[in-house]
């Protein structure tokens, strides 16, 4: 509830709209005897911290607390007492003076250094260059998320390959193309202009590939360096064409 409420406000939604959207997103919990108390207390506490406590949310939360909240789910007497104390404290805060609305700044979107259709060289941590192509870019509230595929000089995709004793060996097969969706939350890990060189452009596919793995840019650099050193990951015959 906390993240959902804050995300809606970061995206510019009005307080009333956010109050309506969150219960719809958690419809399973709104009237649930087990999950309802957690939902309403979480929503009310979040709104209170942001200085945006809705009266209807406050009243519903107080009613839930007065009905016993979720104390029936606590088997340990000591933990049940702590929960009861916490609910009573929240009840008092909800009925007390409220803080002024806190300014919620728009979410900072992480930039995407490539576009769909770009063929580019990525400098990995040891200074070598890995060749990739950007298959698609998906727009998200936190930034644009590219799907990239590692290829050789002839445009043939590398393959995921792990030694048999590697834990990731059970998650990949030798016929799976090495492609990832880049989900980056750290601005400092986005490659600089010196680390990415766009060498060509192609017409991107109409639909992005499904079943891709996710990682950040730093993880991509590490994985590309590993595949550059893995002979079994190189494009070979069969599905990937003759070398």
C-alpha atoms as a PDB file:
ATOM      1  CA  UNK A   1       0.000   0.000   0.000  1.00  0.00           C
ATOM      2  CA  UNK A   2       2.811   2.387   0.891  1.00  0.00           C
ATOM      3  CA  UNK A   3       4.685   1.987  -2.407  1.00  0.00           C
ATOM      4  CA  UNK A   4       1.478   2.055  -4.448  1.00  0.00           C
ATOM      5  CA  UNK A   5       0.263   5.259  -2.830  1.00  0.00           C
ATOM      6  CA  UNK A   6       3.597   7.021  -3.185  1.00  0.00           C
ATOM      7  CA  UNK A   7       3.981   5.887  -6.801  1.00  0.00           C
ATOM      8  CA  UNK A   8       0.567   7.300  -7.701  1.00  0.00           C
ATOM      9  CA  UNK A   9       1.419  10.644  -6.106  1.00  0.00           C
ATOM     10  CA  UNK A  10       4.854  10.699  -7.769  1.00  0.00           C
ATOM     11  CA  UNK A  11       3.109  10.246 -11.105  1.00  0.00           C
ATOM     12  CA  UNK A  12       1.010  13.339 -10.491  1.00  0.00           C
ATOM     13  CA  UNK A  13      -2.279  11.759  -9.427  1.00  0.00           C
ATOM     14  CA  UNK A  14      -4.476  13.778  -7.084  1.00  0.00           C
ATOM     15  CA  UNK A  15      -4.916  12.637  -3.478  1.00  0.00           C
ATOM     16  CA  UNK A  16      -8.516  11.559  -4.064  1.00  0.00           C
ATOM     17  CA  UNK A  17      -7.641   9.562  -7.162  1.00  0.00           C
ATOM     18  CA  UNK A  18      -4.839   7.753  -5.352  1.00  0.00           C
ATOM     19  CA  UNK A  19      -7.250   6.932  -2.530  1.00  0.00           C
ATOM     20  CA  UNK A  20      -9.647   5.323  -5.011  1.00  0.00           C
ATOM     21  CA  UNK A  21      -7.033   3.431  -7.036  1.00  0.00           C
ATOM     22  CA  UNK A  22      -5.220   1.698  -4.171  1.00  0.00           C
ATOM     23  CA  UNK A  23      -8.287  -0.164  -2.781  1.00  0.00           C
ATOM     24  CA  UNK A  24      -9.126  -1.345  -6.289  1.00  0.00           C
ATOM     25  CA  UNK A  25      -5.604  -2.703  -6.665  1.00  0.00           C
ATOM     26  CA  UNK A  26      -5.955  -4.607  -3.377  1.00  0.00           C
ATOM     27  CA  UNK A  27      -9.599  -5.563  -3.745  1.00  0.00           C
ATOM     28  CA  UNK A  28      -8.920  -9.033  -2.343  1.00  0.00           C
ATOM     29  CA  UNK A  29      -7.886  -7.504   1.003  1.00  0.00           C
ATOM     30  CA  UNK A  30     -10.382  -4.688   1.489  1.00  0.00           C
ATOM     31  CA  UNK A  31     -13.065  -6.774   3.241  1.00  0.00           C
ATOM     32  CA  UNK A  32     -10.972  -9.827   4.069  1.00  0.00           C
ATOM     33  CA  UNK A  33     -11.115 -10.734   7.784  1.00  0.00           C
ATOM     34  CA  UNK A  34      -7.445 -11.734   7.799  1.00  0.00           C
ATOM     35  CA  UNK A  35      -5.855  -9.222   5.410  1.00  0.00           C
ATOM     36  CA  UNK A  36      -8.222  -6.282   5.829  1.00  0.00           C
ATOM     37  CA  UNK A  37      -6.623  -4.902   8.988  1.00  0.00           C
ATOM     38  CA  UNK A  38      -3.153  -4.925   7.425  1.00  0.00           C
ATOM     39  CA  UNK A  39      -4.490  -3.183   4.320  1.00  0.00           C
ATOM     40  CA  UNK A  40      -6.417  -0.414   6.070  1.00  0.00           C
ATOM     41  CA  UNK A  41      -3.811   0.306   8.740  1.00  0.00           C
ATOM     42  CA  UNK A  42      -1.079   0.360   6.103  1.00  0.00           C
ATOM     43  CA  UNK A  43      -3.019   2.716   3.856  1.00  0.00           C
ATOM     44  CA  UNK A  44      -4.008   5.022   6.700  1.00  0.00           C
ATOM     45  CA  UNK A  45      -0.483   5.115   8.131  1.00  0.00           C
ATOM     46  CA  UNK A  46       0.979   5.961   4.720  1.00  0.00           C
ATOM     47  CA  UNK A  47      -1.530   8.730   4.087  1.00  0.00           C
ATOM     48  CA  UNK A  48      -0.911  10.109   7.566  1.00  0.00           C
ATOM     49  CA  UNK A  49       2.861  10.194   7.050  1.00  0.00           C
ATOM     50  CA  UNK A  50       2.332  12.086   3.801  1.00  0.00           C
ATOM     51  CA  UNK A  51      -0.071  14.557   5.399  1.00  0.00           C
ATOM     52  CA  UNK A  52      -2.903  13.299   3.202  1.00  0.00           C
ATOM     53  CA  UNK A  53      -5.110  11.274   5.544  1.00  0.00           C
ATOM     54  CA  UNK A  54      -8.479  10.768   3.877  1.00  0.00           C
ATOM     55  CA  UNK A  55     -11.412  10.981   6.308  1.00  0.00           C
ATOM     56  CA  UNK A  56     -13.152   7.902   4.898  1.00  0.00           C
ATOM     57  CA  UNK A  57      -9.914   5.901   5.128  1.00  0.00           C
ATOM     58  CA  UNK A  58      -9.408   7.100   8.692  1.00  0.00           C
ATOM     59  CA  UNK A  59     -12.929   6.142   9.743  1.00  0.00           C
ATOM     60  CA  UNK A  60     -12.706   2.706   8.107  1.00  0.00           C
ATOM     61  CA  UNK A  61      -9.360   2.042   9.761  1.00  0.00           C
ATOM     62  CA  UNK A  62     -10.648   3.066  13.197  1.00  0.00           C
ATOM     63  CA  UNK A  63     -13.636   0.754  12.747  1.00  0.00           C
ATOM     64  CA  UNK A  64     -11.340  -2.127  11.808  1.00  0.00           C
ATOM     65  CA  UNK A  65      -9.138  -1.498  14.855  1.00  0.00           C
ATOM     66  CA  UNK A  66     -12.137  -1.227  17.180  1.00  0.00           C
ATOM     67  CA  UNK A  67     -13.397  -4.567  15.854  1.00  0.00           C
ATOM     68  CA  UNK A  68     -10.167  -6.221  16.977  1.00  0.00           C
ATOM     69  CA  UNK A  69      -8.056  -5.736  13.864  1.00  0.00           C
ATOM     70  CA  UNK A  70      -6.090  -8.861  13.049  1.00  0.00           C
ATOM     71  CA  UNK A  71      -5.387  -9.897  16.638  1.00  0.00           C
ATOM     72  CA  UNK A  72      -7.107 -13.235  15.989  1.00  0.00           C
ATOM     73  CA  UNK A  73      -4.169 -14.171  13.751  1.00  0.00           C
ATOM     74  CA  UNK A  74      -1.535 -13.799  16.486  1.00  0.00           C
ATOM     75  CA  UNK A  75      -1.082 -17.070  18.369  1.00  0.00           C
ATOM     76  CA  UNK A  76       1.794 -15.883  20.530  1.00  0.00           C
ATOM     77  CA  UNK A  77       0.362 -13.906  23.487  1.00  0.00           C
ATOM     78  CA  UNK A  78       3.415 -11.667  23.703  1.00  0.00           C
ATOM     79  CA  UNK A  79       3.314 -10.740  20.022  1.00  0.00           C
ATOM     80  CA  UNK A  80      -0.443 -10.264  20.210  1.00  0.00           C
ATOM     81  CA  UNK A  81       0.024  -7.723  23.018  1.00  0.00           C
ATOM     82  CA  UNK A  82       2.616  -5.834  20.973  1.00  0.00           C
ATOM     83  CA  UNK A  83       0.269  -5.796  17.993  1.00  0.00           C
ATOM     84  CA  UNK A  84      -2.584  -4.546  20.136  1.00  0.00           C
ATOM     85  CA  UNK A  85      -0.378  -1.756  21.475  1.00  0.00           C
ATOM     86  CA  UNK A  86       0.674  -0.786  17.945  1.00  0.00           C
ATOM     87  CA  UNK A  87      -2.949  -0.684  16.753  1.00  0.00           C
ATOM     88  CA  UNK A  88      -3.947   1.460  19.742  1.00  0.00           C
ATOM     89  CA  UNK A  89      -1.071   3.855  19.056  1.00  0.00           C
ATOM     90  CA  UNK A  90      -2.063   4.176  15.397  1.00  0.00           C
ATOM     91  CA  UNK A  91      -5.677   4.778  16.404  1.00  0.00           C
ATOM     92  CA  UNK A  92      -4.617   7.673  18.614  1.00  0.00           C
ATOM     93  CA  UNK A  93      -2.444   9.147  15.867  1.00  0.00           C
ATOM     94  CA  UNK A  94      -5.234   8.946  13.314  1.00  0.00           C
ATOM     95  CA  UNK A  95      -7.576  10.832  15.633  1.00  0.00           C
ATOM     96  CA  UNK A  96      -4.967  13.398  16.616  1.00  0.00           C
ATOM     97  CA  UNK A  97      -3.645  16.493  14.820  1.00  0.00           C
ATOM     98  CA  UNK A  98      -2.402  15.830  11.292  1.00  0.00           C
ATOM     99  CA  UNK A  99       0.729  17.158   9.643  1.00  0.00           C
ATOM    100  CA  UNK A 100       0.662  19.426   6.621  1.00  0.00           C
ATOM    101  CA  UNK A 101       0.842  17.700   3.223  1.00  0.00           C
ATOM    102  CA  UNK A 102       4.344  16.555   2.352  1.00  0.00           C
ATOM    103  CA  UNK A 103       5.567  17.455  -1.116  1.00  0.00           C
ATOM    104  CA  UNK A 104       5.963  14.341  -3.239  1.00  0.00           C
ATOM    105  CA  UNK A 105       8.477  14.867  -6.011  1.00  0.00           C
ATOM    106  CA  UNK A 106       8.088  13.112  -9.366  1.00  0.00           C
ATOM    107  CA  UNK A 107      10.025   9.875  -9.660  1.00  0.00           C
ATOM    108  CA  UNK A 108      13.457  10.284 -11.227  1.00  0.00           C
ATOM    109  CA  UNK A 109      13.540   8.259 -14.429  1.00  0.00           C
ATOM    110  CA  UNK A 110      16.747   6.371 -15.161  1.00  0.00           C
ATOM    111  CA  UNK A 111      17.944   7.248 -18.686  1.00  0.00           C
ATOM    112  CA  UNK A 112      18.341   4.656 -21.419  1.00  0.00           C
ATOM    113  CA  UNK A 113      21.535   5.101 -23.480  1.00  0.00           C
ATOM    114  CA  UNK A 114      20.327   3.080 -26.508  1.00  0.00           C
ATOM    115  CA  UNK A 115      17.303   2.982 -28.789  1.00  0.00           C
ATOM    116  CA  UNK A 116      15.436   0.094 -30.357  1.00  0.00           C
ATOM    117  CA  UNK A 117      17.364  -1.082 -33.418  1.00  0.00           C
ATOM    118  CA  UNK A 118      20.773   0.125 -32.221  1.00  0.00           C
ATOM    119  CA  UNK A 119      23.787  -2.128 -32.729  1.00  0.00           C
ATOM    120  CA  UNK A 120      26.337  -1.044 -30.165  1.00  0.00           C
ATOM    121  CA  UNK A 121      29.621  -1.880 -28.497  1.00  0.00           C
ATOM    122  CA  UNK A 122      29.607  -1.991 -24.702  1.00  0.00           C
ATOM    123  CA  UNK A 123      32.863  -1.628 -22.813  1.00  0.00           C
ATOM    124  CA  UNK A 124      33.054  -4.314 -20.133  1.00  0.00           C
ATOM    125  CA  UNK A 125      35.003  -3.940 -16.905  1.00  0.00           C
ATOM    126  CA  UNK A 126      38.286  -5.300 -18.301  1.00  0.00           C
ATOM    127  CA  UNK A 127      38.209  -2.871 -21.237  1.00  0.00           C
ATOM    128  CA  UNK A 128      37.086  -5.291 -23.954  1.00  0.00           C
ATOM    129  CA  UNK A 129      34.115  -4.556 -26.196  1.00  0.00           C
ATOM    130  CA  UNK A 130      30.987  -6.690 -26.293  1.00  0.00           C
ATOM    131  CA  UNK A 131      28.726  -6.347 -29.319  1.00  0.00           C
ATOM    132  CA  UNK A 132      24.978  -6.131 -28.661  1.00  0.00           C
ATOM    133  CA  UNK A 133      21.790  -5.093 -30.395  1.00  0.00           C
ATOM    134  CA  UNK A 134      18.807  -3.427 -28.794  1.00  0.00           C
ATOM    135  CA  UNK A 135      15.709  -5.382 -29.755  1.00  0.00           C
ATOM    136  CA  UNK A 136      13.118  -3.214 -28.023  1.00  0.00           C
ATOM    137  CA  UNK A 137      12.656  -0.502 -25.424  1.00  0.00           C
ATOM    138  CA  UNK A 138       9.734  -0.604 -22.995  1.00  0.00           C
ATOM    139  CA  UNK A 139       8.583   2.602 -21.358  1.00  0.00           C
ATOM    140  CA  UNK A 140       8.156   2.473 -17.579  1.00  0.00           C
ATOM    141  CA  UNK A 141       7.462   5.120 -14.958  1.00  0.00           C
ATOM    142  CA  UNK A 142      11.003   4.653 -13.623  1.00  0.00           C
ATOM    143  CA  UNK A 143      12.650   4.848 -17.042  1.00  0.00           C
ATOM    144  CA  UNK A 144      12.934   3.168 -20.433  1.00  0.00           C
ATOM    145  CA  UNK A 145      13.896  -0.526 -20.226  1.00  0.00           C
ATOM    146  CA  UNK A 146      15.867  -1.877 -23.207  1.00  0.00           C
ATOM    147  CA  UNK A 147      15.952  -5.541 -24.229  1.00  0.00           C
ATOM    148  CA  UNK A 148      19.414  -6.332 -25.574  1.00  0.00           C
ATOM    149  CA  UNK A 149      21.025  -9.372 -27.202  1.00  0.00           C
ATOM    150  CA  UNK A 150      24.730 -10.192 -27.328  1.00  0.00           C
ATOM    151  CA  UNK A 151      25.922 -10.966 -30.879  1.00  0.00           C
ATOM    152  CA  UNK A 152      29.125 -11.600 -32.801  1.00  0.00           C
ATOM    153  CA  UNK A 153      30.563  -9.563 -35.690  1.00  0.00           C
ATOM    154  CA  UNK A 154      28.221 -11.334 -38.145  1.00  0.00           C
ATOM    155  CA  UNK A 155      25.127 -10.546 -36.102  1.00  0.00           C
ATOM    156  CA  UNK A 156      24.666 -14.076 -34.748  1.00  0.00           C
ATOM    157  CA  UNK A 157      23.498 -14.302 -31.123  1.00  0.00           C
ATOM    158  CA  UNK A 158      25.635 -15.667 -28.361  1.00  0.00           C
ATOM    159  CA  UNK A 159      24.130 -18.432 -26.271  1.00  0.00           C
ATOM    160  CA  UNK A 160      23.753 -18.781 -22.535  1.00  0.00           C
ATOM    161  CA  UNK A 161      26.184 -21.393 -21.338  1.00  0.00           C
ATOM    162  CA  UNK A 162      27.236 -22.312 -17.838  1.00  0.00           C
ATOM    163  CA  UNK A 163      29.548 -25.113 -16.627  1.00  0.00           C
ATOM    164  CA  UNK A 164      27.658 -28.170 -15.438  1.00  0.00           C
ATOM    165  CA  UNK A 165      28.544 -27.442 -11.803  1.00  0.00           C
ATOM    166  CA  UNK A 166      27.321 -23.830 -11.990  1.00  0.00           C
ATOM    167  CA  UNK A 167      24.050 -23.127 -10.190  1.00  0.00           C
ATOM    168  CA  UNK A 168      22.787 -21.230 -13.245  1.00  0.00           C
ATOM    169  CA  UNK A 169      23.274 -24.294 -15.456  1.00  0.00           C
ATOM    170  CA  UNK A 170      19.836 -25.524 -14.407  1.00  0.00           C
ATOM    171  CA  UNK A 171      18.287 -22.241 -15.521  1.00  0.00           C
ATOM    172  CA  UNK A 172      19.666 -22.091 -19.057  1.00  0.00           C
ATOM    173  CA  UNK A 173      20.203 -24.310 -22.043  1.00  0.00           C
ATOM    174  CA  UNK A 174      22.837 -24.117 -24.753  1.00  0.00           C
ATOM    175  CA  UNK A 175      20.204 -23.122 -27.311  1.00  0.00           C
ATOM    176  CA  UNK A 176      18.953 -20.066 -25.446  1.00  0.00           C
ATOM    177  CA  UNK A 177      20.026 -16.743 -26.899  1.00  0.00           C
ATOM    178  CA  UNK A 178      21.906 -14.424 -24.568  1.00  0.00           C
ATOM    179  CA  UNK A 179      19.416 -11.612 -24.181  1.00  0.00           C
ATOM    180  CA  UNK A 180      18.287  -9.545 -21.250  1.00  0.00           C
ATOM    181  CA  UNK A 181      15.888  -6.802 -20.295  1.00  0.00           C
ATOM    182  CA  UNK A 182      17.886  -4.098 -18.542  1.00  0.00           C
ATOM    183  CA  UNK A 183      16.141  -2.896 -15.403  1.00  0.00           C
ATOM    184  CA  UNK A 184      18.362  -0.295 -13.806  1.00  0.00           C
ATOM    185  CA  UNK A 185      17.670   1.490 -10.542  1.00  0.00           C
ATOM    186  CA  UNK A 186      21.095   3.075 -10.037  1.00  0.00           C
ATOM    187  CA  UNK A 187      21.812   6.187 -12.069  1.00  0.00           C
ATOM    188  CA  UNK A 188      25.568   5.730 -11.604  1.00  0.00           C
ATOM    189  CA  UNK A 189      25.524   2.280 -13.239  1.00  0.00           C
ATOM    190  CA  UNK A 190      24.118   3.539 -16.548  1.00  0.00           C
ATOM    191  CA  UNK A 191      26.972   3.449 -19.102  1.00  0.00           C
ATOM    192  CA  UNK A 192      28.390   6.794 -20.111  1.00  0.00           C
ATOM    193  CA  UNK A 193      28.792   7.937 -23.700  1.00  0.00           C
ATOM    194  CA  UNK A 194      32.398   6.714 -23.555  1.00  0.00           C
ATOM    195  CA  UNK A 195      31.272   3.185 -22.647  1.00  0.00           C
ATOM    196  CA  UNK A 196      28.708   2.751 -25.440  1.00  0.00           C
ATOM    197  CA  UNK A 197      29.379   3.169 -29.142  1.00  0.00           C
ATOM    198  CA  UNK A 198      26.471   2.809 -31.563  1.00  0.00           C
ATOM    199  CA  UNK A 199      27.908   1.304 -34.750  1.00  0.00           C
ATOM    200  CA  UNK A 200      24.759   0.682 -36.809  1.00  0.00           C
ATOM    201  CA  UNK A 201      20.990   0.709 -36.731  1.00  0.00           C
ATOM    202  CA  UNK A 202      18.455  -1.910 -37.769  1.00  0.00           C
ATOM    203  CA  UNK A 203      14.697  -1.937 -38.020  1.00  0.00           C
ATOM    204  CA  UNK A 204      13.507  -3.159 -34.612  1.00  0.00           C
ATOM    205  CA  UNK A 205      11.116  -6.085 -34.297  1.00  0.00           C
ATOM    206  CA  UNK A 206       7.447  -5.203 -33.977  1.00  0.00           C
ATOM    207  CA  UNK A 207       7.082  -7.270 -30.810  1.00  0.00           C
ATOM    208  CA  UNK A 208       9.806  -7.666 -28.147  1.00  0.00           C
ATOM    209  CA  UNK A 209      10.940 -11.204 -27.340  1.00  0.00           C
ATOM    210  CA  UNK A 210       9.336 -12.985 -24.416  1.00  0.00           C
ATOM    211  CA  UNK A 211      10.952 -14.808 -21.532  1.00  0.00           C
ATOM    212  CA  UNK A 212      13.987 -12.549 -21.248  1.00  0.00           C
ATOM    213  CA  UNK A 213      16.053 -12.328 -18.085  1.00  0.00           C
ATOM    214  CA  UNK A 214      16.428  -9.093 -16.176  1.00  0.00           C
ATOM    215  CA  UNK A 215      19.545  -7.434 -14.832  1.00  0.00           C
ATOM    216  CA  UNK A 216      21.164  -4.026 -14.477  1.00  0.00           C
ATOM    217  CA  UNK A 217      23.881  -2.511 -16.658  1.00  0.00           C
ATOM    218  CA  UNK A 218      26.678  -3.522 -14.282  1.00  0.00           C
ATOM    219  CA  UNK A 219      25.455  -7.107 -14.251  1.00  0.00           C
ATOM    220  CA  UNK A 220      25.281  -7.037 -18.051  1.00  0.00           C
ATOM    221  CA  UNK A 221      28.921  -5.988 -18.297  1.00  0.00           C
ATOM    222  CA  UNK A 222      29.964  -8.845 -16.013  1.00  0.00           C
ATOM    223  CA  UNK A 223      27.881 -11.390 -17.937  1.00  0.00           C
ATOM    224  CA  UNK A 224      29.138 -10.210 -21.321  1.00  0.00           C
ATOM    225  CA  UNK A 225      32.738 -10.515 -20.132  1.00  0.00           C
ATOM    226  CA  UNK A 226      32.010 -14.061 -18.960  1.00  0.00           C
ATOM    227  CA  UNK A 227      30.453 -15.058 -22.285  1.00  0.00           C
ATOM    228  CA  UNK A 228      33.381 -13.580 -24.207  1.00  0.00           C
ATOM    229  CA  UNK A 229      35.595 -16.054 -22.344  1.00  0.00           C
ATOM    230  CA  UNK A 230      33.222 -19.017 -22.768  1.00  0.00           C
ATOM    231  CA  UNK A 231      33.874 -20.932 -26.038  1.00  0.00           C
ATOM    232  CA  UNK A 232      30.607 -22.851 -25.703  1.00  0.00           C
ATOM    233  CA  UNK A 233      28.654 -19.590 -25.738  1.00  0.00           C
ATOM    234  CA  UNK A 234      29.885 -18.609 -29.191  1.00  0.00           C
ATOM    235  CA  UNK A 235      27.408 -18.846 -32.093  1.00  0.00           C
ATOM    236  CA  UNK A 236      27.798 -22.250 -33.700  1.00  0.00           C
ATOM    237  CA  UNK A 237      25.992 -24.486 -36.204  1.00  0.00           C
ATOM    238  CA  UNK A 238      22.424 -25.720 -36.008  1.00  0.00           C
ATOM    239  CA  UNK A 239      19.939 -23.216 -34.702  1.00  0.00           C
ATOM    240  CA  UNK A 240      22.462 -20.401 -34.881  1.00  0.00           C
ATOM    241  CA  UNK A 241      23.949 -21.130 -38.288  1.00  0.00           C
ATOM    242  CA  UNK A 242      27.366 -22.423 -39.297  1.00  0.00           C
ATOM    243  CA  UNK A 243      30.466 -20.573 -38.242  1.00  0.00           C
END
